[in-house]
Amino acid sequence: MSDRRIVSSPDAPKAIGPYSQAVVAQGLVHCSGQIALDPRTGEFLGGDVAAQTERVMTNLAAVLAAAGSDFSRALKCNVYLTTMEHFGPMNEVYGRYFPAGSAPARATVAVAQLPRNALVEIDCIALA
């Protein structure tokens, strides 16, 4: 399909399943969810939710850059937390990645479990 482009960045973790880091189609970048994986080793970094969120956002930034986009072009993010008690620290780190007045729409939900027992996972849709 010529109207669909797979995005892959060496600066973000390789997919750990049958999915792509992102797909660009019809002017939109659809980024898969990221957890706190080190892109060089593929190892889960762990740490508290703030540290994990920092790594997640760095990984998403790399995927967006590989697609020719960035957080200023983000339209929607979904945040998955293992407990809403992590909302404050996650939100503090997350908010630093968006220029003033340009934060995307967002949903934040608590889930029972995430891959590798991560505390947070975030996906993103942005303009290409």
C-alpha atoms as a PDB file:
ATOM      1  CA  MET A   1       0.000   0.000   0.000  1.00  0.00           C
ATOM      2  CA  SER A   2       1.704   3.182  -1.156  1.00  0.00           C
ATOM      3  CA  ASP A   3      -0.466   5.361   1.092  1.00  0.00           C
ATOM      4  CA  ARG A   4       0.879   3.621   4.210  1.00  0.00           C
ATOM      5  CA  ARG A   5       4.465   3.915   5.490  1.00  0.00           C
ATOM      6  CA  ILE A   6       6.015   1.926   8.338  1.00  0.00           C
ATOM      7  CA  VAL A   7       8.246   3.978  10.651  1.00  0.00           C
ATOM      8  CA  SER A   8      11.220   2.563  12.492  1.00  0.00           C
ATOM      9  CA  SER A   9      13.829   4.418  14.525  1.00  0.00           C
ATOM     10  CA  PRO A  10      17.037   2.962  15.966  1.00  0.00           C
ATOM     11  CA  ASP A  11      16.634   5.548  18.754  1.00  0.00           C
ATOM     12  CA  ALA A  12      13.484   3.824  20.045  1.00  0.00           C
ATOM     13  CA  PRO A  13      13.055   0.220  21.194  1.00  0.00           C
ATOM     14  CA  LYS A  14      12.416  -2.390  18.532  1.00  0.00           C
ATOM     15  CA  ALA A  15       8.894  -3.763  18.552  1.00  0.00           C
ATOM     16  CA  ILE A  16       8.608  -6.729  20.924  1.00  0.00           C
ATOM     17  CA  GLY A  17       5.735  -8.277  19.006  1.00  0.00           C
ATOM     18  CA  PRO A  18       4.020  -8.253  15.613  1.00  0.00           C
ATOM     19  CA  TYR A  19       3.581  -4.484  15.339  1.00  0.00           C
ATOM     20  CA  SER A  20       5.458  -1.416  14.065  1.00  0.00           C
ATOM     21  CA  GLN A  21       6.840   1.494  16.071  1.00  0.00           C
ATOM     22  CA  ALA A  22       4.534   3.686  14.015  1.00  0.00           C
ATOM     23  CA  VAL A  23       2.566   3.833  10.791  1.00  0.00           C
ATOM     24  CA  VAL A  24       2.078   6.982   8.723  1.00  0.00           C
ATOM     25  CA  ALA A  25      -1.124   7.153   6.704  1.00  0.00           C
ATOM     26  CA  GLN A  26      -3.253   9.995   5.356  1.00  0.00           C
ATOM     27  CA  GLY A  27      -1.065  12.649   6.988  1.00  0.00           C
ATOM     28  CA  LEU A  28      -1.166  11.079  10.455  1.00  0.00           C
ATOM     29  CA  VAL A  29       1.483   9.294  12.495  1.00  0.00           C
ATOM     30  CA  HIS A  30       0.029   6.470  14.591  1.00  0.00           C
ATOM     31  CA  CYS A  31       2.639   5.592  17.253  1.00  0.00           C
ATOM     32  CA  SER A  32       2.423   2.296  19.081  1.00  0.00           C
ATOM     33  CA  GLY A  33       2.468   2.338  22.851  1.00  0.00           C
ATOM     34  CA  GLN A  34       5.859   2.746  24.473  1.00  0.00           C
ATOM     35  CA  ILE A  35       7.058   1.468  27.822  1.00  0.00           C
ATOM     36  CA  ALA A  36      10.390   2.227  29.516  1.00  0.00           C
ATOM     37  CA  LEU A  37      12.646   0.093  27.320  1.00  0.00           C
ATOM     38  CA  ASP A  38      16.230   1.083  26.555  1.00  0.00           C
ATOM     39  CA  PRO A  39      16.483   1.357  22.749  1.00  0.00           C
ATOM     40  CA  ARG A  40      20.089   0.148  22.708  1.00  0.00           C
ATOM     41  CA  THR A  41      19.631  -2.996  24.803  1.00  0.00           C
ATOM     42  CA  GLY A  42      15.886  -3.661  24.694  1.00  0.00           C
ATOM     43  CA  GLU A  43      15.991  -4.042  28.477  1.00  0.00           C
ATOM     44  CA  PHE A  44      13.223  -2.720  30.690  1.00  0.00           C
ATOM     45  CA  LEU A  45      14.609   0.151  32.780  1.00  0.00           C
ATOM     46  CA  GLY A  46      12.182   0.017  35.692  1.00  0.00           C
ATOM     47  CA  GLY A  47      12.325   2.770  38.291  1.00  0.00           C
ATOM     48  CA  ASP A  48       9.456   4.855  39.575  1.00  0.00           C
ATOM     49  CA  VAL A  49       6.662   6.114  37.346  1.00  0.00           C
ATOM     50  CA  ALA A  50       8.381   9.485  36.768  1.00  0.00           C
ATOM     51  CA  ALA A  51      11.559   7.792  35.511  1.00  0.00           C
ATOM     52  CA  GLN A  52       9.532   5.405  33.366  1.00  0.00           C
ATOM     53  CA  THR A  53       7.474   8.264  31.907  1.00  0.00           C
ATOM     54  CA  GLU A  54      10.677  10.139  31.011  1.00  0.00           C
ATOM     55  CA  ARG A  55      11.954   7.125  29.056  1.00  0.00           C
ATOM     56  CA  VAL A  56       8.558   6.543  27.431  1.00  0.00           C
ATOM     57  CA  MET A  57       8.383  10.145  26.223  1.00  0.00           C
ATOM     58  CA  THR A  58      11.978   9.993  24.939  1.00  0.00           C
ATOM     59  CA  ASN A  59      11.106   6.839  23.012  1.00  0.00           C
ATOM     60  CA  LEU A  60       7.961   8.429  21.562  1.00  0.00           C
ATOM     61  CA  ALA A  61       9.945  11.535  20.568  1.00  0.00           C
ATOM     62  CA  ALA A  62      12.370   9.335  18.615  1.00  0.00           C
ATOM     63  CA  VAL A  63       9.548   7.581  16.775  1.00  0.00           C
ATOM     64  CA  LEU A  64       7.844  10.883  15.967  1.00  0.00           C
ATOM     65  CA  ALA A  65      11.139  12.320  14.684  1.00  0.00           C
ATOM     66  CA  ALA A  66      11.660   9.295  12.433  1.00  0.00           C
ATOM     67  CA  ALA A  67       8.205   9.994  10.999  1.00  0.00           C
ATOM     68  CA  GLY A  68       9.042  13.669  10.435  1.00  0.00           C
ATOM     69  CA  SER A  69       6.932  14.896  13.336  1.00  0.00           C
ATOM     70  CA  ASP A  70       7.263  15.944  16.967  1.00  0.00           C
ATOM     71  CA  PHE A  71       5.202  16.557  20.088  1.00  0.00           C
ATOM     72  CA  SER A  72       4.078  19.994  18.878  1.00  0.00           C
ATOM     73  CA  ARG A  73       2.097  18.142  16.186  1.00  0.00           C
ATOM     74  CA  ALA A  74       0.531  15.603  18.563  1.00  0.00           C
ATOM     75  CA  LEU A  75      -3.262  15.300  18.342  1.00  0.00           C
ATOM     76  CA  LYS A  76      -4.101  12.556  20.836  1.00  0.00           C
ATOM     77  CA  CYS A  77      -2.300  10.473  23.440  1.00  0.00           C
ATOM     78  CA  ASN A  78      -3.515   7.548  25.491  1.00  0.00           C
ATOM     79  CA  VAL A  79      -1.878   6.935  28.854  1.00  0.00           C
ATOM     80  CA  TYR A  80      -2.156   3.593  30.609  1.00  0.00           C
ATOM     81  CA  LEU A  81      -1.235   3.434  34.303  1.00  0.00           C
ATOM     82  CA  THR A  82      -1.262   0.429  36.622  1.00  0.00           C
ATOM     83  CA  THR A  83      -2.754   2.663  39.329  1.00  0.00           C
ATOM     84  CA  MET A  84      -4.194   6.167  39.297  1.00  0.00           C
ATOM     85  CA  GLU A  85      -1.923   6.907  42.260  1.00  0.00           C
ATOM     86  CA  HIS A  86       0.770   7.403  39.595  1.00  0.00           C
ATOM     87  CA  PHE A  87      -1.211  10.107  37.794  1.00  0.00           C
ATOM     88  CA  GLY A  88       0.510  13.125  39.412  1.00  0.00           C
ATOM     89  CA  PRO A  89       4.143  12.121  38.801  1.00  0.00           C
ATOM     90  CA  MET A  90       3.352  10.869  35.284  1.00  0.00           C
ATOM     91  CA  ASN A  91       1.463  14.065  34.445  1.00  0.00           C
ATOM     92  CA  GLU A  92       4.323  16.270  35.655  1.00  0.00           C
ATOM     93  CA  VAL A  93       6.852  14.582  33.360  1.00  0.00           C
ATOM     94  CA  TYR A  94       4.406  14.218  30.442  1.00  0.00           C
ATOM     95  CA  GLY A  95       3.504  17.921  30.529  1.00  0.00           C
ATOM     96  CA  ARG A  96       7.113  19.024  30.005  1.00  0.00           C
ATOM     97  CA  TYR A  97       7.083  17.527  26.505  1.00  0.00           C
ATOM     98  CA  PHE A  98       4.376  19.767  25.083  1.00  0.00           C
ATOM     99  CA  PRO A  99       4.876  23.437  24.174  1.00  0.00           C
ATOM    100  CA  ALA A 100       2.602  25.806  26.104  1.00  0.00           C
ATOM    101  CA  GLY A 101      -0.917  25.761  24.714  1.00  0.00           C
ATOM    102  CA  SER A 102      -0.284  22.806  22.398  1.00  0.00           C
ATOM    103  CA  ALA A 103      -1.091  19.808  24.591  1.00  0.00           C
ATOM    104  CA  PRO A 104      -2.998  17.147  22.653  1.00  0.00           C
ATOM    105  CA  ALA A 105      -6.265  15.539  23.602  1.00  0.00           C
ATOM    106  CA  ARG A 106      -5.656  12.694  26.040  1.00  0.00           C
ATOM    107  CA  ALA A 107      -7.254   9.767  27.796  1.00  0.00           C
ATOM    108  CA  THR A 108      -5.702   8.297  30.945  1.00  0.00           C
ATOM    109  CA  VAL A 109      -6.878   4.965  32.266  1.00  0.00           C
ATOM    110  CA  ALA A 110      -5.825   2.488  34.923  1.00  0.00           C
ATOM    111  CA  VAL A 111      -5.178  -1.040  33.720  1.00  0.00           C
ATOM    112  CA  ALA A 112      -4.543  -4.314  35.534  1.00  0.00           C
ATOM    113  CA  GLN A 113      -1.092  -4.940  34.055  1.00  0.00           C
ATOM    114  CA  LEU A 114       1.294  -3.740  31.356  1.00  0.00           C
ATOM    115  CA  PRO A 115       4.057  -5.576  29.456  1.00  0.00           C
ATOM    116  CA  ARG A 116       7.198  -6.226  31.509  1.00  0.00           C
ATOM    117  CA  ASN A 117       5.278  -5.053  34.594  1.00  0.00           C
ATOM    118  CA  ALA A 118       5.720  -1.437  33.476  1.00  0.00           C
ATOM    119  CA  LEU A 119       3.934   1.249  35.487  1.00  0.00           C
ATOM    120  CA  VAL A 120       3.062   3.383  32.442  1.00  0.00           C
ATOM    121  CA  GLU A 121       2.537   3.008  28.693  1.00  0.00           C
ATOM    122  CA  ILE A 122       1.759   5.860  26.298  1.00  0.00           C
ATOM    123  CA  ASP A 123       0.763   5.925  22.634  1.00  0.00           C
ATOM    124  CA  CYS A 124       0.316   8.926  20.368  1.00  0.00           C
ATOM    125  CA  ILE A 125      -1.304  10.129  17.154  1.00  0.00           C
ATOM    126  CA  ALA A 126       0.287  13.173  15.503  1.00  0.00           C
ATOM    127  CA  LEU A 127       0.291  15.082  12.253  1.00  0.00           C
ATOM    128  CA  ALA A 128       2.996  13.853   9.881  1.00  0.00           C
END
